[in-house]
Structure formats: structure tokens, C-alpha cells
């Protein structure tokens, strides 16, 4: 009988979140554990007194290591795949080995457990009946803005991962692309300093800017398109909201026009008319 490939979810912070089934599989069911970082996984195994050989499986050796793992399975050796935290393949390596194992006719068994996506979504207070996980956004601003513009009309709740050193830029881009729809920032989930910040992207950004630094793993949950305030019926209010968040006027007009499917010229005209009729703009 061929070996089995187990996809074992590990804690995202609190070690108590590992399942009894995961511990049994790691301890008794597999011959070897393939992991993203052997040092990180070794800490987990030592905590639970599990002694198993480890092999590194990461984005730089996926192709060659996947072939090796399939060979192990064919030799009737079961293998557990883990990542540093959370569920394998969810913004982590693993796709190639799972595909190779399936193509070779091997049995692949998921061992579910902790997930930052589901933990953040469940505690966000935003709709959970439909959601889209977009992983990490592109690190470069132009590509990130393009990705957010493509996501701006998504009618499901969005879940995104982001790093602490890019979070301020990303929140500014979210405010520009999506206006004042609700955002929840979940930081350090399941850990000692777990935190949830709620509000529009610009409001959360202001809170973070007031701190000396931002640390920890971050998951963003963004409300679906129809929930954004000041967008559906009033483009002028949407422009003002973006400007209040620090977006340049022309960029705000362009963003609102695109989201509403209106000609930029028309939105610009409305904005200019509003500006000229405001009391502080009139000249006697």
C-alpha cells in the first residue's frame, strides 16, 4: 500500500490551537515531516515531545523536493507537510507536491486546524456568507493599486494578508481604491498582543501612524462593495471622503468615476460645480 500525504495545519500563534488529530499524525502516522523552515517546526515538535526526521520544503526547492516526496509515498512511507504557521498551501508552499501526489494516484489527506483567514473573518463583524481570499497583494505600489482596483467591485467580503512594513501604504491604496467601506485589521491573531482595529482604511491608518512602529502578522478584512458608505448615491461625498483621507483631488475623482462606472469628465464637472457653489469658494 502506498504512503499517504498529510497536509497538517499548525498553530498560527497559540500552541494550544493544534488539534489532537494533528499531534497523532505527526507522532504516529508519518515517517518524515516536510516543513517550510526546519528550525521553526523543530520548536513545535520539541514542545509536544515529537521526534521525527525533518526535510525542508520551500519555494526554492519545491520542484525537486516534490519528486522526492512522491517517491517516498510510492515506497509506502507516509509524509506530513507543514508550514511555519497555519494551513499548508494557503499563501505558503505545497501546491506542487499536492499536484504531483494527486497525479501519481497517491492519497492526500487534509488535517484542518488554525487559519488566520477564518479567525479574522469570524471576528470581524463583517458578512461571512461569501468571502474572497486574495492572499498577499503585490509589494510594488503600481501593481498593488491595479490589484485593488480590480477587487474594488467585489461583492464578497475580502480577506488579505499584509506585512507590517507595508501596511500604511496598503491602507492608503485601499482608501483610494475602495473609499470608506468598512475595514477590520487583525494583528497577531491568537497571540498575547492580539488586536482588532475597525473603521475606514484611512481611520485605521491614522491610528497606526500615531504609533512608533507596527509589528506582527496582519490580516485585513474588507467589507463588500455595496457596503461602502458615501459611494452608491453621492459621488461628491465619496470624493470628499477620499480627500479627507489624504488622497489628491484628481486621484479621488478618477477613483470614484471608475468605481461608479461614470465618465471621469462628468464626475469632474460635478465636483467643480460643487466647489464653485460652496460658501467658502464664492467671490462677492
C-alpha atoms as a PDB file:
ATOM      1  CA  UNK A   1       0.000   0.000   0.000  1.00  0.00           C
ATOM      2  CA  UNK A   2       1.329   3.431  -0.924  1.00  0.00           C
ATOM      3  CA  UNK A   3       2.059   6.034   1.695  1.00  0.00           C
ATOM      4  CA  UNK A   4      -0.241   8.987   2.395  1.00  0.00           C
ATOM      5  CA  UNK A   5       0.463  12.683   2.159  1.00  0.00           C
ATOM      6  CA  UNK A   6      -0.968  14.531   5.168  1.00  0.00           C
ATOM      7  CA  UNK A   7      -1.464  18.317   4.991  1.00  0.00           C
ATOM      8  CA  UNK A   8      -1.219  19.270   8.642  1.00  0.00           C
ATOM      9  CA  UNK A   9      -2.313  22.686   9.892  1.00  0.00           C
ATOM     10  CA  UNK A  10      -0.171  24.066  12.719  1.00  0.00           C
ATOM     11  CA  UNK A  11      -0.861  26.890  15.206  1.00  0.00           C
ATOM     12  CA  UNK A  12      -0.682  30.473  13.939  1.00  0.00           C
ATOM     13  CA  UNK A  13       0.460  31.663  17.336  1.00  0.00           C
ATOM     14  CA  UNK A  14      -1.024  29.948  20.375  1.00  0.00           C
ATOM     15  CA  UNK A  15       0.358  26.400  20.568  1.00  0.00           C
ATOM     16  CA  UNK A  16      -2.837  25.204  22.268  1.00  0.00           C
ATOM     17  CA  UNK A  17      -4.600  25.546  18.925  1.00  0.00           C
ATOM     18  CA  UNK A  18      -3.000  22.416  17.480  1.00  0.00           C
ATOM     19  CA  UNK A  19      -5.512  19.580  17.161  1.00  0.00           C
ATOM     20  CA  UNK A  20      -5.312  16.161  18.787  1.00  0.00           C
ATOM     21  CA  UNK A  21      -5.516  14.627  15.320  1.00  0.00           C
ATOM     22  CA  UNK A  22      -2.563  16.702  14.109  1.00  0.00           C
ATOM     23  CA  UNK A  23      -0.478  15.554  17.065  1.00  0.00           C
ATOM     24  CA  UNK A  24      -1.367  11.916  16.414  1.00  0.00           C
ATOM     25  CA  UNK A  25      -0.499  12.147  12.736  1.00  0.00           C
ATOM     26  CA  UNK A  26       2.827  13.867  13.385  1.00  0.00           C
ATOM     27  CA  UNK A  27       3.727  11.454  16.148  1.00  0.00           C
ATOM     28  CA  UNK A  28       2.439   8.115  14.854  1.00  0.00           C
ATOM     29  CA  UNK A  29       1.323   8.170  11.236  1.00  0.00           C
ATOM     30  CA  UNK A  30       4.238   9.535   9.202  1.00  0.00           C
ATOM     31  CA  UNK A  31       7.842   8.605   8.537  1.00  0.00           C
ATOM     32  CA  UNK A  32       9.024  12.142   7.813  1.00  0.00           C
ATOM     33  CA  UNK A  33       7.805  15.726   8.113  1.00  0.00           C
ATOM     34  CA  UNK A  34       8.330  18.165   5.244  1.00  0.00           C
ATOM     35  CA  UNK A  35       8.398  21.733   6.528  1.00  0.00           C
ATOM     36  CA  UNK A  36       8.957  25.267   5.360  1.00  0.00           C
ATOM     37  CA  UNK A  37      11.602  26.050   7.998  1.00  0.00           C
ATOM     38  CA  UNK A  38      13.094  23.121   9.901  1.00  0.00           C
ATOM     39  CA  UNK A  39      14.104  25.373  12.807  1.00  0.00           C
ATOM     40  CA  UNK A  40      10.575  26.682  13.272  1.00  0.00           C
ATOM     41  CA  UNK A  41       8.967  23.253  13.032  1.00  0.00           C
ATOM     42  CA  UNK A  42      11.526  21.777  15.412  1.00  0.00           C
ATOM     43  CA  UNK A  43      10.370  24.190  18.113  1.00  0.00           C
ATOM     44  CA  UNK A  44       6.802  22.965  17.688  1.00  0.00           C
ATOM     45  CA  UNK A  45       7.816  19.301  17.774  1.00  0.00           C
ATOM     46  CA  UNK A  46      10.003  19.779  20.836  1.00  0.00           C
ATOM     47  CA  UNK A  47       7.141  21.459  22.680  1.00  0.00           C
ATOM     48  CA  UNK A  48       4.981  18.368  22.141  1.00  0.00           C
ATOM     49  CA  UNK A  49       7.856  15.890  22.508  1.00  0.00           C
ATOM     50  CA  UNK A  50       7.604  14.591  18.935  1.00  0.00           C
ATOM     51  CA  UNK A  51      10.730  13.148  17.361  1.00  0.00           C
ATOM     52  CA  UNK A  52      10.603  12.739  13.609  1.00  0.00           C
ATOM     53  CA  UNK A  53      13.095  13.418  10.809  1.00  0.00           C
ATOM     54  CA  UNK A  54      12.552  16.713   9.008  1.00  0.00           C
ATOM     55  CA  UNK A  55      13.178  17.748   5.421  1.00  0.00           C
ATOM     56  CA  UNK A  56      12.979  21.294   4.096  1.00  0.00           C
ATOM     57  CA  UNK A  57      10.235  22.044   1.603  1.00  0.00           C
ATOM     58  CA  UNK A  58      10.047  25.674   0.473  1.00  0.00           C
ATOM     59  CA  UNK A  59       9.560  27.810  -2.628  1.00  0.00           C
ATOM     60  CA  UNK A  60      13.186  27.434  -3.704  1.00  0.00           C
ATOM     61  CA  UNK A  61      13.255  23.627  -3.793  1.00  0.00           C
ATOM     62  CA  UNK A  62       9.600  22.748  -4.470  1.00  0.00           C
ATOM     63  CA  UNK A  63      10.204  21.081  -7.830  1.00  0.00           C
ATOM     64  CA  UNK A  64      12.976  18.687  -6.767  1.00  0.00           C
ATOM     65  CA  UNK A  65      11.587  18.029  -3.303  1.00  0.00           C
ATOM     66  CA  UNK A  66       8.106  17.255  -4.648  1.00  0.00           C
ATOM     67  CA  UNK A  67       9.556  14.445  -6.755  1.00  0.00           C
ATOM     68  CA  UNK A  68      11.397  13.077  -3.712  1.00  0.00           C
ATOM     69  CA  UNK A  69       8.246  13.129  -1.592  1.00  0.00           C
ATOM     70  CA  UNK A  70       6.236  11.288  -4.249  1.00  0.00           C
ATOM     71  CA  UNK A  71       8.974   8.648  -4.351  1.00  0.00           C
ATOM     72  CA  UNK A  72       8.675   8.275  -0.568  1.00  0.00           C
ATOM     73  CA  UNK A  73       4.935   7.800  -0.885  1.00  0.00           C
ATOM     74  CA  UNK A  74       5.467   5.164  -3.566  1.00  0.00           C
ATOM     75  CA  UNK A  75       7.816   3.363  -1.148  1.00  0.00           C
ATOM     76  CA  UNK A  76       4.915   3.206   1.318  1.00  0.00           C
ATOM     77  CA  UNK A  77       6.319   5.981   3.510  1.00  0.00           C
ATOM     78  CA  UNK A  78       3.717   8.496   4.669  1.00  0.00           C
ATOM     79  CA  UNK A  79       4.723  12.164   4.781  1.00  0.00           C
ATOM     80  CA  UNK A  80       3.315  15.161   6.678  1.00  0.00           C
ATOM     81  CA  UNK A  81       3.542  18.585   5.064  1.00  0.00           C
ATOM     82  CA  UNK A  82       3.503  21.573   7.429  1.00  0.00           C
ATOM     83  CA  UNK A  83       4.274  25.261   7.139  1.00  0.00           C
ATOM     84  CA  UNK A  84       5.631  27.655   9.723  1.00  0.00           C
ATOM     85  CA  UNK A  85       2.095  28.561  10.799  1.00  0.00           C
ATOM     86  CA  UNK A  86      -1.413  27.755   9.629  1.00  0.00           C
ATOM     87  CA  UNK A  87      -2.619  25.551   6.791  1.00  0.00           C
ATOM     88  CA  UNK A  88      -0.244  24.362   4.050  1.00  0.00           C
ATOM     89  CA  UNK A  89      -0.810  25.874   0.574  1.00  0.00           C
ATOM     90  CA  UNK A  90      -2.667  28.939   1.935  1.00  0.00           C
ATOM     91  CA  UNK A  91      -0.149  31.629   0.901  1.00  0.00           C
ATOM     92  CA  UNK A  92       2.510  29.007   1.639  1.00  0.00           C
ATOM     93  CA  UNK A  93       4.355  26.326  -0.365  1.00  0.00           C
ATOM     94  CA  UNK A  94       2.717  22.985  -1.100  1.00  0.00           C
ATOM     95  CA  UNK A  95       0.818  23.253  -4.366  1.00  0.00           C
ATOM     96  CA  UNK A  96       3.417  21.405  -6.416  1.00  0.00           C
ATOM     97  CA  UNK A  97       3.736  18.421  -4.127  1.00  0.00           C
ATOM     98  CA  UNK A  98      -0.042  18.041  -3.774  1.00  0.00           C
ATOM     99  CA  UNK A  99      -0.465  18.211  -7.547  1.00  0.00           C
ATOM    100  CA  UNK A 100       2.334  15.695  -8.073  1.00  0.00           C
ATOM    101  CA  UNK A 101       0.884  13.337  -5.465  1.00  0.00           C
ATOM    102  CA  UNK A 102      -2.602  13.517  -6.988  1.00  0.00           C
ATOM    103  CA  UNK A 103      -1.244  12.906 -10.493  1.00  0.00           C
ATOM    104  CA  UNK A 104       0.669   9.889  -9.186  1.00  0.00           C
ATOM    105  CA  UNK A 105      -2.502   8.449  -7.684  1.00  0.00           C
ATOM    106  CA  UNK A 106      -1.426   8.983  -4.075  1.00  0.00           C
ATOM    107  CA  UNK A 107      -3.823   9.644  -1.187  1.00  0.00           C
ATOM    108  CA  UNK A 108      -3.826  13.239   0.092  1.00  0.00           C
ATOM    109  CA  UNK A 109      -5.412  13.847   3.498  1.00  0.00           C
ATOM    110  CA  UNK A 110      -6.064  17.334   4.952  1.00  0.00           C
ATOM    111  CA  UNK A 111      -5.721  17.746   8.715  1.00  0.00           C
ATOM    112  CA  UNK A 112      -7.521  21.058   9.351  1.00  0.00           C
ATOM    113  CA  UNK A 113      -6.694  23.473  12.106  1.00  0.00           C
ATOM    114  CA  UNK A 114      -5.828  27.101  12.801  1.00  0.00           C
ATOM    115  CA  UNK A 115      -6.354  29.603   9.994  1.00  0.00           C
ATOM    116  CA  UNK A 116      -5.704  33.346  10.114  1.00  0.00           C
ATOM    117  CA  UNK A 117      -8.181  33.837   7.263  1.00  0.00           C
ATOM    118  CA  UNK A 118     -11.094  32.231   9.098  1.00  0.00           C
ATOM    119  CA  UNK A 119     -10.159  33.599  12.519  1.00  0.00           C
ATOM    120  CA  UNK A 120     -10.043  37.190  11.249  1.00  0.00           C
ATOM    121  CA  UNK A 121     -13.199  36.789   9.170  1.00  0.00           C
ATOM    122  CA  UNK A 122     -15.212  35.255  12.010  1.00  0.00           C
ATOM    123  CA  UNK A 123     -14.297  38.008  14.484  1.00  0.00           C
ATOM    124  CA  UNK A 124     -14.510  40.899  12.010  1.00  0.00           C
ATOM    125  CA  UNK A 125     -18.219  41.574  12.319  1.00  0.00           C
ATOM    126  CA  UNK A 126     -18.467  41.721   8.516  1.00  0.00           C
ATOM    127  CA  UNK A 127     -20.577  39.353   6.386  1.00  0.00           C
ATOM    128  CA  UNK A 128     -19.215  35.810   6.308  1.00  0.00           C
ATOM    129  CA  UNK A 129     -21.658  34.121   3.930  1.00  0.00           C
ATOM    130  CA  UNK A 130     -19.415  34.943   0.967  1.00  0.00           C
ATOM    131  CA  UNK A 131     -15.748  35.901   1.079  1.00  0.00           C
ATOM    132  CA  UNK A 132     -12.768  36.063  -1.227  1.00  0.00           C
ATOM    133  CA  UNK A 133      -9.247  35.405  -0.007  1.00  0.00           C
ATOM    134  CA  UNK A 134      -6.770  37.416  -2.090  1.00  0.00           C
ATOM    135  CA  UNK A 135      -3.571  36.384  -0.298  1.00  0.00           C
ATOM    136  CA  UNK A 136      -0.748  38.932  -0.279  1.00  0.00           C
ATOM    137  CA  UNK A 137      -1.106  41.979  -2.501  1.00  0.00           C
ATOM    138  CA  UNK A 138       1.802  42.850  -4.839  1.00  0.00           C
ATOM    139  CA  UNK A 139       4.616  44.610  -2.948  1.00  0.00           C
ATOM    140  CA  UNK A 140       5.115  47.333  -5.577  1.00  0.00           C
ATOM    141  CA  UNK A 141       2.654  50.213  -5.451  1.00  0.00           C
ATOM    142  CA  UNK A 142       1.586  50.339  -9.090  1.00  0.00           C
ATOM    143  CA  UNK A 143       0.830  46.619  -9.159  1.00  0.00           C
ATOM    144  CA  UNK A 144      -0.874  46.833  -5.770  1.00  0.00           C
ATOM    145  CA  UNK A 145      -3.105  49.701  -6.916  1.00  0.00           C
ATOM    146  CA  UNK A 146      -4.062  47.762 -10.032  1.00  0.00           C
ATOM    147  CA  UNK A 147      -4.927  44.695  -7.951  1.00  0.00           C
ATOM    148  CA  UNK A 148      -7.071  46.748  -5.575  1.00  0.00           C
ATOM    149  CA  UNK A 149      -8.888  48.442  -8.442  1.00  0.00           C
ATOM    150  CA  UNK A 150      -9.726  45.006  -9.834  1.00  0.00           C
ATOM    151  CA  UNK A 151     -11.018  43.966  -6.407  1.00  0.00           C
ATOM    152  CA  UNK A 152     -12.944  47.187  -5.789  1.00  0.00           C
ATOM    153  CA  UNK A 153     -16.231  45.889  -7.220  1.00  0.00           C
ATOM    154  CA  UNK A 154     -16.046  42.531  -5.435  1.00  0.00           C
ATOM    155  CA  UNK A 155     -19.415  41.800  -3.819  1.00  0.00           C
ATOM    156  CA  UNK A 156     -17.985  39.328  -1.309  1.00  0.00           C
ATOM    157  CA  UNK A 157     -16.072  40.220   1.837  1.00  0.00           C
ATOM    158  CA  UNK A 158     -12.341  40.419   1.074  1.00  0.00           C
ATOM    159  CA  UNK A 159      -9.577  38.907   3.191  1.00  0.00           C
ATOM    160  CA  UNK A 160      -5.972  39.956   2.541  1.00  0.00           C
ATOM    161  CA  UNK A 161      -2.622  39.290   4.197  1.00  0.00           C
ATOM    162  CA  UNK A 162      -0.137  42.144   4.589  1.00  0.00           C
ATOM    163  CA  UNK A 163       3.260  42.687   6.171  1.00  0.00           C
ATOM    164  CA  UNK A 164       3.737  45.298   8.911  1.00  0.00           C
ATOM    165  CA  UNK A 165       6.296  47.315   6.920  1.00  0.00           C
ATOM    166  CA  UNK A 166       3.856  47.802   4.002  1.00  0.00           C
ATOM    167  CA  UNK A 167       0.597  48.189   5.910  1.00  0.00           C
ATOM    168  CA  UNK A 168       0.470  52.017   5.908  1.00  0.00           C
ATOM    169  CA  UNK A 169       0.974  52.199   2.140  1.00  0.00           C
ATOM    170  CA  UNK A 170      -1.567  49.443   1.566  1.00  0.00           C
ATOM    171  CA  UNK A 171      -4.203  51.142   3.714  1.00  0.00           C
ATOM    172  CA  UNK A 172      -3.690  54.373   1.751  1.00  0.00           C
ATOM    173  CA  UNK A 173      -4.149  52.460  -1.504  1.00  0.00           C
ATOM    174  CA  UNK A 174      -7.283  50.731  -0.149  1.00  0.00           C
ATOM    175  CA  UNK A 175      -8.753  54.100   0.808  1.00  0.00           C
ATOM    176  CA  UNK A 176      -8.079  55.425  -2.678  1.00  0.00           C
ATOM    177  CA  UNK A 177      -9.428  52.360  -4.484  1.00  0.00           C
ATOM    178  CA  UNK A 178     -12.358  51.477  -2.244  1.00  0.00           C
ATOM    179  CA  UNK A 179     -13.347  54.622  -0.400  1.00  0.00           C
ATOM    180  CA  UNK A 180     -14.839  54.438   3.066  1.00  0.00           C
ATOM    181  CA  UNK A 181     -16.136  50.891   3.118  1.00  0.00           C
ATOM    182  CA  UNK A 182     -15.564  49.109   6.455  1.00  0.00           C
ATOM    183  CA  UNK A 183     -12.167  47.577   7.133  1.00  0.00           C
ATOM    184  CA  UNK A 184     -11.018  45.384  10.012  1.00  0.00           C
ATOM    185  CA  UNK A 185      -7.314  44.968  10.728  1.00  0.00           C
ATOM    186  CA  UNK A 186      -6.497  41.835  12.734  1.00  0.00           C
ATOM    187  CA  UNK A 187      -2.976  41.749  14.149  1.00  0.00           C
ATOM    188  CA  UNK A 188      -1.100  38.994  15.985  1.00  0.00           C
ATOM    189  CA  UNK A 189      -4.051  36.606  15.920  1.00  0.00           C
ATOM    190  CA  UNK A 190      -4.163  34.106  18.829  1.00  0.00           C
ATOM    191  CA  UNK A 191      -1.023  35.655  20.334  1.00  0.00           C
ATOM    192  CA  UNK A 192      -0.568  37.640  23.546  1.00  0.00           C
ATOM    193  CA  UNK A 193      -0.995  41.021  21.859  1.00  0.00           C
ATOM    194  CA  UNK A 194      -3.896  40.095  19.577  1.00  0.00           C
ATOM    195  CA  UNK A 195      -5.642  43.229  18.330  1.00  0.00           C
ATOM    196  CA  UNK A 196      -8.562  44.260  16.110  1.00  0.00           C
ATOM    197  CA  UNK A 197      -8.851  47.760  14.644  1.00  0.00           C
ATOM    198  CA  UNK A 198     -12.097  48.731  12.924  1.00  0.00           C
ATOM    199  CA  UNK A 199     -13.091  51.642  10.699  1.00  0.00           C
ATOM    200  CA  UNK A 200     -12.398  53.002   7.221  1.00  0.00           C
ATOM    201  CA  UNK A 201      -8.926  52.340   5.849  1.00  0.00           C
ATOM    202  CA  UNK A 202      -7.928  55.969   6.381  1.00  0.00           C
ATOM    203  CA  UNK A 203      -9.038  55.905  10.018  1.00  0.00           C
ATOM    204  CA  UNK A 204      -7.084  52.737  10.760  1.00  0.00           C
ATOM    205  CA  UNK A 205      -4.055  54.193   9.008  1.00  0.00           C
ATOM    206  CA  UNK A 206      -4.189  57.258  11.263  1.00  0.00           C
ATOM    207  CA  UNK A 207      -4.225  55.031  14.343  1.00  0.00           C
ATOM    208  CA  UNK A 208      -1.183  53.108  13.162  1.00  0.00           C
ATOM    209  CA  UNK A 209       0.678  56.258  12.142  1.00  0.00           C
ATOM    210  CA  UNK A 210       0.406  57.507  15.720  1.00  0.00           C
ATOM    211  CA  UNK A 211       2.470  54.533  16.908  1.00  0.00           C
ATOM    212  CA  UNK A 212       6.244  54.376  16.962  1.00  0.00           C
ATOM    213  CA  UNK A 213       6.166  51.143  14.954  1.00  0.00           C
ATOM    214  CA  UNK A 214       3.832  48.438  13.679  1.00  0.00           C
ATOM    215  CA  UNK A 215       4.766  44.826  14.309  1.00  0.00           C
ATOM    216  CA  UNK A 216       3.248  41.391  13.903  1.00  0.00           C
ATOM    217  CA  UNK A 217       1.349  39.383  11.315  1.00  0.00           C
ATOM    218  CA  UNK A 218      -1.588  41.288   9.802  1.00  0.00           C
ATOM    219  CA  UNK A 219      -4.838  40.119   8.213  1.00  0.00           C
ATOM    220  CA  UNK A 220      -7.166  42.658   6.623  1.00  0.00           C
ATOM    221  CA  UNK A 221     -10.902  42.056   6.212  1.00  0.00           C
ATOM    222  CA  UNK A 222     -12.653  44.496   3.863  1.00  0.00           C
ATOM    223  CA  UNK A 223     -16.402  44.963   3.502  1.00  0.00           C
ATOM    224  CA  UNK A 224     -18.054  44.143   0.194  1.00  0.00           C
ATOM    225  CA  UNK A 225     -18.638  46.805  -2.427  1.00  0.00           C
ATOM    226  CA  UNK A 226     -22.250  47.663  -1.664  1.00  0.00           C
ATOM    227  CA  UNK A 227     -21.437  48.323   1.994  1.00  0.00           C
ATOM    228  CA  UNK A 228     -19.140  51.274   1.446  1.00  0.00           C
ATOM    229  CA  UNK A 229     -20.629  54.487   2.729  1.00  0.00           C
ATOM    230  CA  UNK A 230     -20.979  57.601   0.626  1.00  0.00           C
ATOM    231  CA  UNK A 231     -20.450  55.768  -2.660  1.00  0.00           C
ATOM    232  CA  UNK A 232     -23.695  54.431  -4.092  1.00  0.00           C
ATOM    233  CA  UNK A 233     -25.718  57.616  -4.357  1.00  0.00           C
ATOM    234  CA  UNK A 234     -23.358  60.527  -3.929  1.00  0.00           C
ATOM    235  CA  UNK A 235     -20.076  60.702  -5.858  1.00  0.00           C
ATOM    236  CA  UNK A 236     -19.330  64.104  -4.323  1.00  0.00           C
ATOM    237  CA  UNK A 237     -19.448  62.657  -0.819  1.00  0.00           C
ATOM    238  CA  UNK A 238     -17.151  59.866  -1.965  1.00  0.00           C
ATOM    239  CA  UNK A 239     -14.651  62.396  -3.350  1.00  0.00           C
ATOM    240  CA  UNK A 240     -14.696  64.383  -0.101  1.00  0.00           C
ATOM    241  CA  UNK A 241     -14.188  61.170   1.897  1.00  0.00           C
ATOM    242  CA  UNK A 242     -11.109  60.297  -0.145  1.00  0.00           C
ATOM    243  CA  UNK A 243      -9.728  63.822   0.121  1.00  0.00           C
ATOM    244  CA  UNK A 244     -10.191  63.774   3.885  1.00  0.00           C
ATOM    245  CA  UNK A 245      -8.104  60.601   3.909  1.00  0.00           C
ATOM    246  CA  UNK A 246      -5.279  62.425   2.139  1.00  0.00           C
ATOM    247  CA  UNK A 247      -5.967  61.451  -1.482  1.00  0.00           C
ATOM    248  CA  UNK A 248      -5.263  64.173  -4.060  1.00  0.00           C
ATOM    249  CA  UNK A 249      -8.413  65.692  -5.610  1.00  0.00           C
ATOM    250  CA  UNK A 250      -7.826  64.480  -9.169  1.00  0.00           C
ATOM    251  CA  UNK A 251      -6.913  60.994  -7.970  1.00  0.00           C
ATOM    252  CA  UNK A 252     -10.105  60.940  -5.874  1.00  0.00           C
ATOM    253  CA  UNK A 253     -12.198  61.964  -8.890  1.00  0.00           C
ATOM    254  CA  UNK A 254     -10.571  59.306 -11.059  1.00  0.00           C
ATOM    255  CA  UNK A 255     -11.089  56.604  -8.410  1.00  0.00           C
ATOM    256  CA  UNK A 256     -14.760  57.459  -7.811  1.00  0.00           C
ATOM    257  CA  UNK A 257     -15.508  57.637 -11.532  1.00  0.00           C
ATOM    258  CA  UNK A 258     -14.037  54.193 -12.080  1.00  0.00           C
ATOM    259  CA  UNK A 259     -15.923  52.612  -9.177  1.00  0.00           C
ATOM    260  CA  UNK A 260     -19.238  54.114 -10.226  1.00  0.00           C
ATOM    261  CA  UNK A 261     -18.762  53.429 -13.910  1.00  0.00           C
ATOM    262  CA  UNK A 262     -19.168  57.126 -14.747  1.00  0.00           C
ATOM    263  CA  UNK A 263     -17.133  59.219 -17.184  1.00  0.00           C
ATOM    264  CA  UNK A 264     -14.329  60.977 -15.365  1.00  0.00           C
ATOM    265  CA  UNK A 265     -15.316  64.215 -17.125  1.00  0.00           C
ATOM    266  CA  UNK A 266     -18.811  64.009 -15.621  1.00  0.00           C
ATOM    267  CA  UNK A 267     -17.563  63.397 -12.081  1.00  0.00           C
ATOM    268  CA  UNK A 268     -15.041  66.213 -12.511  1.00  0.00           C
ATOM    269  CA  UNK A 269     -17.832  68.568 -13.640  1.00  0.00           C
ATOM    270  CA  UNK A 270     -19.948  67.692 -10.592  1.00  0.00           C
ATOM    271  CA  UNK A 271     -17.006  68.248  -8.290  1.00  0.00           C
ATOM    272  CA  UNK A 272     -16.203  71.618  -9.862  1.00  0.00           C
ATOM    273  CA  UNK A 273     -19.830  72.758  -9.656  1.00  0.00           C
ATOM    274  CA  UNK A 274     -19.985  71.760  -6.020  1.00  0.00           C
ATOM    275  CA  UNK A 275     -16.739  73.567  -5.320  1.00  0.00           C
ATOM    276  CA  UNK A 276     -17.828  76.783  -7.025  1.00  0.00           C
ATOM    277  CA  UNK A 277     -21.167  76.834  -5.186  1.00  0.00           C
ATOM    278  CA  UNK A 278     -19.689  76.282  -1.730  1.00  0.00           C
ATOM    279  CA  UNK A 279     -19.801  79.350   0.525  1.00  0.00           C
ATOM    280  CA  UNK A 280     -16.043  79.332   1.086  1.00  0.00           C
ATOM    281  CA  UNK A 281     -15.429  79.301  -2.684  1.00  0.00           C
ATOM    282  CA  UNK A 282     -17.706  82.177  -3.775  1.00  0.00           C
ATOM    283  CA  UNK A 283     -16.389  85.627  -4.512  1.00  0.00           C
ATOM    284  CA  UNK A 284     -18.615  88.673  -3.870  1.00  0.00           C
END
